[in-house]
Amino acid sequence: MSQGQPCVFCEIIAGREPARIRYVDDEIIVIVNRLTWVPVMLLAMPKQHLSQLDMWSSGLMQRLGTVAVDLGCMFCPNGFRILSNFGYDGLQSQSHGHLHIIGGAYLGHYA
């Protein structure tokens, strides 16, 4: 995301961009990822715009992890992965901190 452009996740949270929501509460939202590399690709994130590093060091991380695991179990009963990308080399594409919940198929040794 370049400076000056709105955060797409903040736009979704504000209701200005469409998304398929799988969970929402006062602090957390989980949406279906637009990418479709595997059958289930969800994004769990705080509603507050936090960087990836700030999200991981926030008091919200335990709840965010619990929600991610609960939805992983619900949508991927045979197993899933929770991923978090940090920085350019880690393939982080959005500045708004988030977790990837992926599954719905055998993922092999690496995703």
PDB file of N, CA and C in Angstrom:
ATOM      1  N   MET A   1       0.850  -1.175   0.000  1.00  0.00           N
ATOM      2  CA  MET A   1       0.000   0.000   0.000  1.00  0.00           C
ATOM      3  C   MET A   1       0.889   1.228   0.000  1.00  0.00           C
ATOM      4  N   SER A   2       0.674   2.118  -0.923  1.00  0.00           N
ATOM      5  CA  SER A   2       1.453   3.337  -0.937  1.00  0.00           C
ATOM      6  C   SER A   2       0.757   4.398  -0.107  1.00  0.00           C
ATOM      7  N   GLN A   3       1.569   5.357   0.372  1.00  0.00           N
ATOM      8  CA  GLN A   3       1.007   6.408   1.212  1.00  0.00           C
ATOM      9  C   GLN A   3      -0.051   7.178   0.436  1.00  0.00           C
ATOM     10  N   GLY A   4      -1.078   7.597   1.137  1.00  0.00           N
ATOM     11  CA  GLY A   4      -2.145   8.366   0.514  1.00  0.00           C
ATOM     12  C   GLY A   4      -3.311   7.512   0.057  1.00  0.00           C
ATOM     13  N   GLN A   5      -3.081   6.219  -0.152  1.00  0.00           N
ATOM     14  CA  GLN A   5      -4.161   5.328  -0.552  1.00  0.00           C
ATOM     15  C   GLN A   5      -4.851   4.790   0.689  1.00  0.00           C
ATOM     16  N   PRO A   6      -6.174   4.675   0.650  1.00  0.00           N
ATOM     17  CA  PRO A   6      -6.868   4.115   1.811  1.00  0.00           C
ATOM     18  C   PRO A   6      -6.535   2.631   1.983  1.00  0.00           C
ATOM     19  N   CYS A   7      -6.562   2.179   3.212  1.00  0.00           N
ATOM     20  CA  CYS A   7      -6.341   0.770   3.523  1.00  0.00           C
ATOM     21  C   CYS A   7      -7.587  -0.010   3.122  1.00  0.00           C
ATOM     22  N   VAL A   8      -7.429  -1.022   2.275  1.00  0.00           N
ATOM     23  CA  VAL A   8      -8.582  -1.790   1.803  1.00  0.00           C
ATOM     24  C   VAL A   8      -9.289  -2.492   2.962  1.00  0.00           C
ATOM     25  N   PHE A   9      -8.541  -2.960   3.959  1.00  0.00           N
ATOM     26  CA  PHE A   9      -9.178  -3.613   5.096  1.00  0.00           C
ATOM     27  C   PHE A   9      -9.972  -2.615   5.924  1.00  0.00           C
ATOM     28  N   CYS A  10      -9.445  -1.415   6.112  1.00  0.00           N
ATOM     29  CA  CYS A  10     -10.198  -0.376   6.834  1.00  0.00           C
ATOM     30  C   CYS A  10     -11.457   0.002   6.063  1.00  0.00           C
ATOM     31  N   GLU A  11     -11.381   0.015   4.741  1.00  0.00           N
ATOM     32  CA  GLU A  11     -12.550   0.312   3.914  1.00  0.00           C
ATOM     33  C   GLU A  11     -13.610  -0.782   4.063  1.00  0.00           C
ATOM     34  N   ILE A  12     -13.193  -2.033   4.133  1.00  0.00           N
ATOM     35  CA  ILE A  12     -14.128  -3.151   4.352  1.00  0.00           C
ATOM     36  C   ILE A  12     -14.767  -3.020   5.730  1.00  0.00           C
ATOM     37  N   ILE A  13     -13.962  -2.760   6.744  1.00  0.00           N
ATOM     38  CA  ILE A  13     -14.459  -2.640   8.119  1.00  0.00           C
ATOM     39  C   ILE A  13     -15.462  -1.497   8.224  1.00  0.00           C
ATOM     40  N   ALA A  14     -15.219  -0.407   7.492  1.00  0.00           N
ATOM     41  CA  ALA A  14     -16.121   0.754   7.505  1.00  0.00           C
ATOM     42  C   ALA A  14     -17.366   0.531   6.655  1.00  0.00           C
ATOM     43  N   GLY A  15     -17.425  -0.585   5.913  1.00  0.00           N
ATOM     44  CA  GLY A  15     -18.587  -0.875   5.074  1.00  0.00           C
ATOM     45  C   GLY A  15     -18.565  -0.177   3.729  1.00  0.00           C
ATOM     46  N   ARG A  16     -17.414   0.380   3.337  1.00  0.00           N
ATOM     47  CA  ARG A  16     -17.307   1.071   2.053  1.00  0.00           C
ATOM     48  C   ARG A  16     -16.815   0.168   0.927  1.00  0.00           C
ATOM     49  N   GLU A  17     -16.336  -1.009   1.265  1.00  0.00           N
ATOM     50  CA  GLU A  17     -15.917  -2.015   0.282  1.00  0.00           C
ATOM     51  C   GLU A  17     -16.609  -3.323   0.640  1.00  0.00           C
ATOM     52  N   PRO A  18     -16.988  -4.106  -0.367  1.00  0.00           N
ATOM     53  CA  PRO A  18     -17.684  -5.367  -0.086  1.00  0.00           C
ATOM     54  C   PRO A  18     -16.733  -6.445   0.429  1.00  0.00           C
ATOM     55  N   ALA A  19     -17.284  -7.344   1.216  1.00  0.00           N
ATOM     56  CA  ALA A  19     -16.542  -8.511   1.699  1.00  0.00           C
ATOM     57  C   ALA A  19     -17.536  -9.550   2.182  1.00  0.00           C
ATOM     58  N   ARG A  20     -17.118 -10.797   2.105  1.00  0.00           N
ATOM     59  CA  ARG A  20     -17.912 -11.878   2.682  1.00  0.00           C
ATOM     60  C   ARG A  20     -17.387 -12.098   4.103  1.00  0.00           C
ATOM     61  N   ILE A  21     -18.182 -11.708   5.058  1.00  0.00           N
ATOM     62  CA  ILE A  21     -17.785 -11.743   6.468  1.00  0.00           C
ATOM     63  C   ILE A  21     -18.163 -13.096   7.067  1.00  0.00           C
ATOM     64  N   ARG A  22     -17.214 -13.717   7.763  1.00  0.00           N
ATOM     65  CA  ARG A  22     -17.457 -14.997   8.425  1.00  0.00           C
ATOM     66  C   ARG A  22     -17.550 -14.859   9.934  1.00  0.00           C
ATOM     67  N   TYR A  23     -17.041 -13.735  10.472  1.00  0.00           N
ATOM     68  CA  TYR A  23     -17.119 -13.484  11.915  1.00  0.00           C
ATOM     69  C   TYR A  23     -16.905 -11.992  12.128  1.00  0.00           C
ATOM     70  N   VAL A  24     -17.618 -11.446  13.104  1.00  0.00           N
ATOM     71  CA  VAL A  24     -17.398 -10.050  13.472  1.00  0.00           C
ATOM     72  C   VAL A  24     -17.823  -9.843  14.922  1.00  0.00           C
ATOM     73  N   ASP A  25     -17.030  -9.063  15.660  1.00  0.00           N
ATOM     74  CA  ASP A  25     -17.413  -8.608  16.987  1.00  0.00           C
ATOM     75  C   ASP A  25     -16.920  -7.174  17.128  1.00  0.00           C
ATOM     76  N   ASP A  26     -16.847  -6.662  18.333  1.00  0.00           N
ATOM     77  CA  ASP A  26     -16.459  -5.262  18.528  1.00  0.00           C
ATOM     78  C   ASP A  26     -15.018  -4.965  18.124  1.00  0.00           C
ATOM     79  N   GLU A  27     -14.137  -5.977  18.154  1.00  0.00           N
ATOM     80  CA  GLU A  27     -12.712  -5.745  17.910  1.00  0.00           C
ATOM     81  C   GLU A  27     -12.118  -6.516  16.741  1.00  0.00           C
ATOM     82  N   ILE A  28     -12.800  -7.569  16.293  1.00  0.00           N
ATOM     83  CA  ILE A  28     -12.231  -8.490  15.307  1.00  0.00           C
ATOM     84  C   ILE A  28     -13.210  -8.707  14.155  1.00  0.00           C
ATOM     85  N   ILE A  29     -12.655  -8.877  12.966  1.00  0.00           N
ATOM     86  CA  ILE A  29     -13.450  -9.264  11.814  1.00  0.00           C
ATOM     87  C   ILE A  29     -12.685 -10.356  11.054  1.00  0.00           C
ATOM     88  N   VAL A  30     -13.416 -11.306  10.503  1.00  0.00           N
ATOM     89  CA  VAL A  30     -12.833 -12.354   9.660  1.00  0.00           C
ATOM     90  C   VAL A  30     -13.601 -12.336   8.347  1.00  0.00           C
ATOM     91  N   ILE A  31     -12.843 -12.216   7.249  1.00  0.00           N
ATOM     92  CA  ILE A  31     -13.448 -12.153   5.924  1.00  0.00           C
ATOM     93  C   ILE A  31     -12.871 -13.254   5.040  1.00  0.00           C
ATOM     94  N   VAL A  32     -13.579 -13.542   3.951  1.00  0.00           N
ATOM     95  CA  VAL A  32     -13.080 -14.468   2.947  1.00  0.00           C
ATOM     96  C   VAL A  32     -12.086 -13.713   2.071  1.00  0.00           C
ATOM     97  N   ASN A  33     -10.913 -14.277   1.909  1.00  0.00           N
ATOM     98  CA  ASN A  33      -9.892 -13.678   1.057  1.00  0.00           C
ATOM     99  C   ASN A  33     -10.349 -13.715  -0.397  1.00  0.00           C
ATOM    100  N   ARG A  34     -10.035 -12.698  -1.163  1.00  0.00           N
ATOM    101  CA  ARG A  34     -10.362 -12.686  -2.594  1.00  0.00           C
ATOM    102  C   ARG A  34      -9.500 -13.668  -3.369  1.00  0.00           C
ATOM    103  N   LEU A  35      -8.358 -14.027  -2.820  1.00  0.00           N
ATOM    104  CA  LEU A  35      -7.489 -15.011  -3.454  1.00  0.00           C
ATOM    105  C   LEU A  35      -8.084 -16.402  -3.254  1.00  0.00           C
ATOM    106  N   THR A  36      -7.825 -17.288  -4.187  1.00  0.00           N
ATOM    107  CA  THR A  36      -8.443 -18.619  -4.123  1.00  0.00           C
ATOM    108  C   THR A  36      -7.429 -19.724  -4.420  1.00  0.00           C
ATOM    109  N   TRP A  37      -6.247 -19.648  -3.789  1.00  0.00           N
ATOM    110  CA  TRP A  37      -5.230 -20.672  -4.025  1.00  0.00           C
ATOM    111  C   TRP A  37      -5.643 -22.022  -3.465  1.00  0.00           C
ATOM    112  N   VAL A  38      -6.397 -22.025  -2.377  1.00  0.00           N
ATOM    113  CA  VAL A  38      -6.927 -23.243  -1.774  1.00  0.00           C
ATOM    114  C   VAL A  38      -8.396 -22.990  -1.475  1.00  0.00           C
ATOM    115  N   PRO A  39      -9.186 -24.043  -1.231  1.00  0.00           N
ATOM    116  CA  PRO A  39     -10.632 -23.850  -1.059  1.00  0.00           C
ATOM    117  C   PRO A  39     -11.025 -22.877   0.058  1.00  0.00           C
ATOM    118  N   VAL A  40     -10.296 -22.876   1.181  1.00  0.00           N
ATOM    119  CA  VAL A  40     -10.630 -21.970   2.282  1.00  0.00           C
ATOM    120  C   VAL A  40      -9.467 -21.007   2.488  1.00  0.00           C
ATOM    121  N   MET A  41      -9.744 -19.732   2.312  1.00  0.00           N
ATOM    122  CA  MET A  41      -8.755 -18.682   2.569  1.00  0.00           C
ATOM    123  C   MET A  41      -9.470 -17.552   3.292  1.00  0.00           C
ATOM    124  N   LEU A  42      -9.268 -17.491   4.607  1.00  0.00           N
ATOM    125  CA  LEU A  42      -9.893 -16.456   5.426  1.00  0.00           C
ATOM    126  C   LEU A  42      -8.818 -15.507   5.939  1.00  0.00           C
ATOM    127  N   LEU A  43      -9.222 -14.280   6.226  1.00  0.00           N
ATOM    128  CA  LEU A  43      -8.340 -13.279   6.807  1.00  0.00           C
ATOM    129  C   LEU A  43      -8.952 -12.811   8.121  1.00  0.00           C
ATOM    130  N   ALA A  44      -8.234 -12.988   9.213  1.00  0.00           N
ATOM    131  CA  ALA A  44      -8.685 -12.542  10.539  1.00  0.00           C
ATOM    132  C   ALA A  44      -7.860 -11.325  10.918  1.00  0.00           C
ATOM    133  N   MET A  45      -8.548 -10.269  11.373  1.00  0.00           N
ATOM    134  CA  MET A  45      -7.819  -9.032  11.665  1.00  0.00           C
ATOM    135  C   MET A  45      -8.509  -8.214  12.738  1.00  0.00           C
ATOM    136  N   PRO A  46      -7.732  -7.366  13.399  1.00  0.00           N
ATOM    137  CA  PRO A  46      -8.360  -6.413  14.307  1.00  0.00           C
ATOM    138  C   PRO A  46      -9.096  -5.358  13.498  1.00  0.00           C
ATOM    139  N   LYS A  47     -10.167  -4.848  14.034  1.00  0.00           N
ATOM    140  CA  LYS A  47     -10.871  -3.758  13.352  1.00  0.00           C
ATOM    141  C   LYS A  47     -10.029  -2.482  13.365  1.00  0.00           C
ATOM    142  N   GLN A  48      -9.269  -2.297  14.425  1.00  0.00           N
ATOM    143  CA  GLN A  48      -8.377  -1.143  14.506  1.00  0.00           C
ATOM    144  C   GLN A  48      -7.192  -1.370  13.569  1.00  0.00           C
ATOM    145  N   HIS A  49      -6.815  -0.350  12.824  1.00  0.00           N
ATOM    146  CA  HIS A  49      -5.660  -0.469  11.933  1.00  0.00           C
ATOM    147  C   HIS A  49      -4.387  -0.544  12.770  1.00  0.00           C
ATOM    148  N   LEU A  50      -3.785  -1.726  12.767  1.00  0.00           N
ATOM    149  CA  LEU A  50      -2.507  -1.954  13.444  1.00  0.00           C
ATOM    150  C   LEU A  50      -1.545  -2.555  12.433  1.00  0.00           C
ATOM    151  N   SER A  51      -0.270  -2.240  12.558  1.00  0.00           N
ATOM    152  CA  SER A  51       0.718  -2.912  11.723  1.00  0.00           C
ATOM    153  C   SER A  51       0.786  -4.383  12.135  1.00  0.00           C
ATOM    154  N   GLN A  52       1.429  -5.186  11.316  1.00  0.00           N
ATOM    155  CA  GLN A  52       1.587  -6.604  11.635  1.00  0.00           C
ATOM    156  C   GLN A  52       2.325  -6.757  12.977  1.00  0.00           C
ATOM    157  N   LEU A  53       3.403  -5.997  13.160  1.00  0.00           N
ATOM    158  CA  LEU A  53       4.166  -6.080  14.418  1.00  0.00           C
ATOM    159  C   LEU A  53       3.336  -5.610  15.600  1.00  0.00           C
ATOM    160  N   ASP A  54       2.605  -4.504  15.440  1.00  0.00           N
ATOM    161  CA  ASP A  54       1.769  -4.001  16.531  1.00  0.00           C
ATOM    162  C   ASP A  54       0.648  -4.977  16.876  1.00  0.00           C
ATOM    163  N   MET A  55       0.072  -5.625  15.853  1.00  0.00           N
ATOM    164  CA  MET A  55      -0.983  -6.602  16.106  1.00  0.00           C
ATOM    165  C   MET A  55      -0.445  -7.740  16.980  1.00  0.00           C
ATOM    166  N   TRP A  56       0.728  -8.255  16.645  1.00  0.00           N
ATOM    167  CA  TRP A  56       1.298  -9.372  17.382  1.00  0.00           C
ATOM    168  C   TRP A  56       1.691  -9.003  18.802  1.00  0.00           C
ATOM    169  N   SER A  57       1.985  -7.748  19.056  1.00  0.00           N
ATOM    170  CA  SER A  57       2.368  -7.352  20.418  1.00  0.00           C
ATOM    171  C   SER A  57       1.198  -6.761  21.197  1.00  0.00           C
ATOM    172  N   SER A  58       0.015  -6.736  20.578  1.00  0.00           N
ATOM    173  CA  SER A  58      -1.160  -6.178  21.255  1.00  0.00           C
ATOM    174  C   SER A  58      -1.800  -7.209  22.179  1.00  0.00           C
ATOM    175  N   GLY A  59      -2.587  -6.733  23.106  1.00  0.00           N
ATOM    176  CA  GLY A  59      -3.341  -7.617  23.983  1.00  0.00           C
ATOM    177  C   GLY A  59      -4.454  -8.348  23.261  1.00  0.00           C
ATOM    178  N   LEU A  60      -4.731  -7.965  22.038  1.00  0.00           N
ATOM    179  CA  LEU A  60      -5.800  -8.571  21.243  1.00  0.00           C
ATOM    180  C   LEU A  60      -5.380  -9.888  20.589  1.00  0.00           C
ATOM    181  N   MET A  61      -4.078 -10.156  20.554  1.00  0.00           N
ATOM    182  CA  MET A  61      -3.592 -11.310  19.797  1.00  0.00           C
ATOM    183  C   MET A  61      -4.134 -12.643  20.306  1.00  0.00           C
ATOM    184  N   GLN A  62      -4.305 -12.794  21.609  1.00  0.00           N
ATOM    185  CA  GLN A  62      -4.828 -14.064  22.121  1.00  0.00           C
ATOM    186  C   GLN A  62      -6.250 -14.304  21.616  1.00  0.00           C
ATOM    187  N   ARG A  63      -7.096 -13.281  21.667  1.00  0.00           N
ATOM    188  CA  ARG A  63      -8.471 -13.422  21.164  1.00  0.00           C
ATOM    189  C   ARG A  63      -8.474 -13.651  19.661  1.00  0.00           C
ATOM    190  N   LEU A  64      -7.623 -12.926  18.946  1.00  0.00           N
ATOM    191  CA  LEU A  64      -7.546 -13.079  17.495  1.00  0.00           C
ATOM    192  C   LEU A  64      -7.139 -14.509  17.140  1.00  0.00           C
ATOM    193  N   GLY A  65      -6.175 -15.052  17.879  1.00  0.00           N
ATOM    194  CA  GLY A  65      -5.750 -16.428  17.654  1.00  0.00           C
ATOM    195  C   GLY A  65      -6.852 -17.427  17.952  1.00  0.00           C
ATOM    196  N   THR A  66      -7.595 -17.193  19.012  1.00  0.00           N
ATOM    197  CA  THR A  66      -8.701 -18.089  19.367  1.00  0.00           C
ATOM    198  C   THR A  66      -9.777 -18.076  18.283  1.00  0.00           C
ATOM    199  N   VAL A  67     -10.126 -16.901  17.794  1.00  0.00           N
ATOM    200  CA  VAL A  67     -11.124 -16.792  16.723  1.00  0.00           C
ATOM    201  C   VAL A  67     -10.611 -17.501  15.467  1.00  0.00           C
ATOM    202  N   ALA A  68      -9.345 -17.303  15.127  1.00  0.00           N
ATOM    203  CA  ALA A  68      -8.769 -17.935  13.938  1.00  0.00           C
ATOM    204  C   ALA A  68      -8.811 -19.461  14.055  1.00  0.00           C
ATOM    205  N   VAL A  69      -8.453 -19.990  15.213  1.00  0.00           N
ATOM    206  CA  VAL A  69      -8.486 -21.444  15.420  1.00  0.00           C
ATOM    207  C   VAL A  69      -9.922 -21.959  15.359  1.00  0.00           C
ATOM    208  N   ASP A  70     -10.843 -21.262  15.998  1.00  0.00           N
ATOM    209  CA  ASP A  70     -12.250 -21.692  15.978  1.00  0.00           C
ATOM    210  C   ASP A  70     -12.787 -21.757  14.546  1.00  0.00           C
ATOM    211  N   LEU A  71     -12.498 -20.731  13.741  1.00  0.00           N
ATOM    212  CA  LEU A  71     -12.989 -20.724  12.364  1.00  0.00           C
ATOM    213  C   LEU A  71     -12.246 -21.745  11.512  1.00  0.00           C
ATOM    214  N   GLY A  72     -10.955 -21.948  11.775  1.00  0.00           N
ATOM    215  CA  GLY A  72     -10.221 -22.995  11.075  1.00  0.00           C
ATOM    216  C   GLY A  72     -10.846 -24.357  11.323  1.00  0.00           C
ATOM    217  N   CYS A  73     -11.182 -24.644  12.568  1.00  0.00           N
ATOM    218  CA  CYS A  73     -11.829 -25.916  12.906  1.00  0.00           C
ATOM    219  C   CYS A  73     -13.201 -26.034  12.247  1.00  0.00           C
ATOM    220  N   MET A  74     -13.927 -24.936  12.184  1.00  0.00           N
ATOM    221  CA  MET A  74     -15.268 -24.941  11.606  1.00  0.00           C
ATOM    222  C   MET A  74     -15.235 -25.166  10.089  1.00  0.00           C
ATOM    223  N   PHE A  75     -14.365 -24.444   9.401  1.00  0.00           N
ATOM    224  CA  PHE A  75     -14.363 -24.481   7.943  1.00  0.00           C
ATOM    225  C   PHE A  75     -13.397 -25.514   7.358  1.00  0.00           C
ATOM    226  N   CYS A  76     -12.462 -26.008   8.165  1.00  0.00           N
ATOM    227  CA  CYS A  76     -11.454 -26.964   7.685  1.00  0.00           C
ATOM    228  C   CYS A  76     -11.284 -28.094   8.700  1.00  0.00           C
ATOM    229  N   PRO A  77     -12.290 -28.947   8.865  1.00  0.00           N
ATOM    230  CA  PRO A  77     -12.238 -29.966   9.917  1.00  0.00           C
ATOM    231  C   PRO A  77     -11.096 -30.970   9.762  1.00  0.00           C
ATOM    232  N   ASN A  78     -10.532 -31.107   8.571  1.00  0.00           N
ATOM    233  CA  ASN A  78      -9.416 -32.041   8.371  1.00  0.00           C
ATOM    234  C   ASN A  78      -8.055 -31.405   8.603  1.00  0.00           C
ATOM    235  N   GLY A  79      -8.024 -30.105   8.903  1.00  0.00           N
ATOM    236  CA  GLY A  79      -6.761 -29.423   9.182  1.00  0.00           C
ATOM    237  C   GLY A  79      -6.643 -28.110   8.428  1.00  0.00           C
ATOM    238  N   PHE A  80      -5.783 -27.246   8.930  1.00  0.00           N
ATOM    239  CA  PHE A  80      -5.611 -25.917   8.349  1.00  0.00           C
ATOM    240  C   PHE A  80      -4.287 -25.336   8.818  1.00  0.00           C
ATOM    241  N   ARG A  81      -3.919 -24.203   8.233  1.00  0.00           N
ATOM    242  CA  ARG A  81      -2.748 -23.450   8.657  1.00  0.00           C
ATOM    243  C   ARG A  81      -3.162 -22.031   8.993  1.00  0.00           C
ATOM    244  N   ILE A  82      -2.449 -21.464   9.943  1.00  0.00           N
ATOM    245  CA  ILE A  82      -2.576 -20.041  10.244  1.00  0.00           C
ATOM    246  C   ILE A  82      -1.223 -19.425   9.928  1.00  0.00           C
ATOM    247  N   LEU A  83      -1.234 -18.439   9.048  1.00  0.00           N
ATOM    248  CA  LEU A  83      -0.005 -17.811   8.588  1.00  0.00           C
ATOM    249  C   LEU A  83      -0.036 -16.315   8.862  1.00  0.00           C
ATOM    250  N   SER A  84       1.140 -15.742   9.019  1.00  0.00           N
ATOM    251  CA  SER A  84       1.260 -14.306   9.195  1.00  0.00           C
ATOM    252  C   SER A  84       2.509 -13.854   8.464  1.00  0.00           C
ATOM    253  N   ASN A  85       2.361 -12.953   7.521  1.00  0.00           N
ATOM    254  CA  ASN A  85       3.475 -12.470   6.705  1.00  0.00           C
ATOM    255  C   ASN A  85       3.977 -11.138   7.262  1.00  0.00           C
ATOM    256  N   PHE A  86       5.301 -10.982   7.297  1.00  0.00           N
ATOM    257  CA  PHE A  86       5.918  -9.764   7.819  1.00  0.00           C
ATOM    258  C   PHE A  86       6.855  -9.172   6.779  1.00  0.00           C
ATOM    259  N   GLY A  87       6.563  -7.960   6.342  1.00  0.00           N
ATOM    260  CA  GLY A  87       7.452  -7.218   5.462  1.00  0.00           C
ATOM    261  C   GLY A  87       7.497  -7.718   4.032  1.00  0.00           C
ATOM    262  N   TYR A  88       8.233  -6.993   3.237  1.00  0.00           N
ATOM    263  CA  TYR A  88       8.330  -7.261   1.796  1.00  0.00           C
ATOM    264  C   TYR A  88       8.836  -8.675   1.511  1.00  0.00           C
ATOM    265  N   ASP A  89       9.944  -9.069   2.147  1.00  0.00           N
ATOM    266  CA  ASP A  89      10.502 -10.399   1.902  1.00  0.00           C
ATOM    267  C   ASP A  89       9.591 -11.514   2.393  1.00  0.00           C
ATOM    268  N   GLY A  90       8.731 -11.207   3.368  1.00  0.00           N
ATOM    269  CA  GLY A  90       7.775 -12.189   3.882  1.00  0.00           C
ATOM    270  C   GLY A  90       6.464 -12.184   3.116  1.00  0.00           C
ATOM    271  N   LEU A  91       6.408 -11.421   2.020  1.00  0.00           N
ATOM    272  CA  LEU A  91       5.237 -11.327   1.131  1.00  0.00           C
ATOM    273  C   LEU A  91       4.028 -10.672   1.776  1.00  0.00           C
ATOM    274  N   GLN A  92       4.260  -9.757   2.722  1.00  0.00           N
ATOM    275  CA  GLN A  92       3.145  -9.003   3.307  1.00  0.00           C
ATOM    276  C   GLN A  92       2.677  -7.982   2.278  1.00  0.00           C
ATOM    277  N   SER A  93       1.399  -8.056   1.892  1.00  0.00           N
ATOM    278  CA  SER A  93       0.881  -7.167   0.854  1.00  0.00           C
ATOM    279  C   SER A  93      -0.024  -6.063   1.390  1.00  0.00           C
ATOM    280  N   GLN A  94      -0.446  -6.167   2.643  1.00  0.00           N
ATOM    281  CA  GLN A  94      -1.329  -5.159   3.242  1.00  0.00           C
ATOM    282  C   GLN A  94      -0.697  -4.656   4.535  1.00  0.00           C
ATOM    283  N   SER A  95      -0.791  -3.363   4.777  1.00  0.00           N
ATOM    284  CA  SER A  95      -0.195  -2.805   5.994  1.00  0.00           C
ATOM    285  C   SER A  95      -1.038  -3.081   7.238  1.00  0.00           C
ATOM    286  N   HIS A  96      -2.317  -3.392   7.061  1.00  0.00           N
ATOM    287  CA  HIS A  96      -3.239  -3.694   8.163  1.00  0.00           C
ATOM    288  C   HIS A  96      -2.938  -5.115   8.642  1.00  0.00           C
ATOM    289  N   GLY A  97      -2.538  -5.264   9.900  1.00  0.00           N
ATOM    290  CA  GLY A  97      -2.184  -6.575  10.434  1.00  0.00           C
ATOM    291  C   GLY A  97      -3.301  -7.589  10.276  1.00  0.00           C
ATOM    292  N   HIS A  98      -2.942  -8.828   9.939  1.00  0.00           N
ATOM    293  CA  HIS A  98      -3.946  -9.875   9.718  1.00  0.00           C
ATOM    294  C   HIS A  98      -3.307 -11.252   9.779  1.00  0.00           C
ATOM    295  N   LEU A  99      -4.144 -12.251   9.984  1.00  0.00           N
ATOM    296  CA  LEU A  99      -3.755 -13.655   9.938  1.00  0.00           C
ATOM    297  C   LEU A  99      -4.454 -14.316   8.765  1.00  0.00           C
ATOM    298  N   HIS A 100      -3.762 -15.221   8.110  1.00  0.00           N
ATOM    299  CA  HIS A 100      -4.354 -16.042   7.052  1.00  0.00           C
ATOM    300  C   HIS A 100      -4.759 -17.381   7.669  1.00  0.00           C
ATOM    301  N   ILE A 101      -5.963 -17.814   7.391  1.00  0.00           N
ATOM    302  CA  ILE A 101      -6.434 -19.143   7.784  1.00  0.00           C
ATOM    303  C   ILE A 101      -6.679 -19.870   6.472  1.00  0.00           C
ATOM    304  N   ILE A 102      -5.878 -20.905   6.194  1.00  0.00           N
ATOM    305  CA  ILE A 102      -6.000 -21.585   4.907  1.00  0.00           C
ATOM    306  C   ILE A 102      -6.185 -23.078   5.111  1.00  0.00           C
ATOM    307  N   GLY A 103      -6.965 -23.682   4.228  1.00  0.00           N
ATOM    308  CA  GLY A 103      -7.199 -25.117   4.300  1.00  0.00           C
ATOM    309  C   GLY A 103      -8.270 -25.545   3.322  1.00  0.00           C
ATOM    310  N   GLY A 104      -8.931 -26.624   3.666  1.00  0.00           N
ATOM    311  CA  GLY A 104      -9.960 -27.161   2.794  1.00  0.00           C
ATOM    312  C   GLY A 104      -9.430 -28.164   1.779  1.00  0.00           C
ATOM    313  N   ALA A 105      -8.130 -28.403   1.818  1.00  0.00           N
ATOM    314  CA  ALA A 105      -7.478 -29.370   0.939  1.00  0.00           C
ATOM    315  C   ALA A 105      -6.139 -29.722   1.579  1.00  0.00           C
ATOM    316  N   TYR A 106      -5.550 -30.832   1.138  1.00  0.00           N
ATOM    317  CA  TYR A 106      -4.230 -31.189   1.625  1.00  0.00           C
ATOM    318  C   TYR A 106      -3.238 -30.130   1.160  1.00  0.00           C
ATOM    319  N   LEU A 107      -2.506 -29.537   2.090  1.00  0.00           N
ATOM    320  CA  LEU A 107      -1.627 -28.417   1.760  1.00  0.00           C
ATOM    321  C   LEU A 107      -0.201 -28.836   1.441  1.00  0.00           C
ATOM    322  N   GLY A 108       0.133 -30.087   1.638  1.00  0.00           N
ATOM    323  CA  GLY A 108       1.495 -30.517   1.375  1.00  0.00           C
ATOM    324  C   GLY A 108       2.454 -30.004   2.439  1.00  0.00           C
ATOM    325  N   HIS A 109       3.727 -30.107   2.162  1.00  0.00           N
ATOM    326  CA  HIS A 109       4.723 -29.703   3.152  1.00  0.00           C
ATOM    327  C   HIS A 109       4.853 -28.194   3.255  1.00  0.00           C
ATOM    328  N   TYR A 110       4.599 -27.472   2.181  1.00  0.00           N
ATOM    329  CA  TYR A 110       4.717 -26.015   2.176  1.00  0.00           C
ATOM    330  C   TYR A 110       3.541 -25.429   1.415  1.00  0.00           C
ATOM    331  N   ALA A 111       3.085 -24.267   1.865  1.00  0.00           N
ATOM    332  CA  ALA A 111       1.970 -23.595   1.177  1.00  0.00           C
ATOM    333  C   ALA A 111       2.508 -22.472   0.334  1.00  0.00           C
TER     334      ALA A 111
END
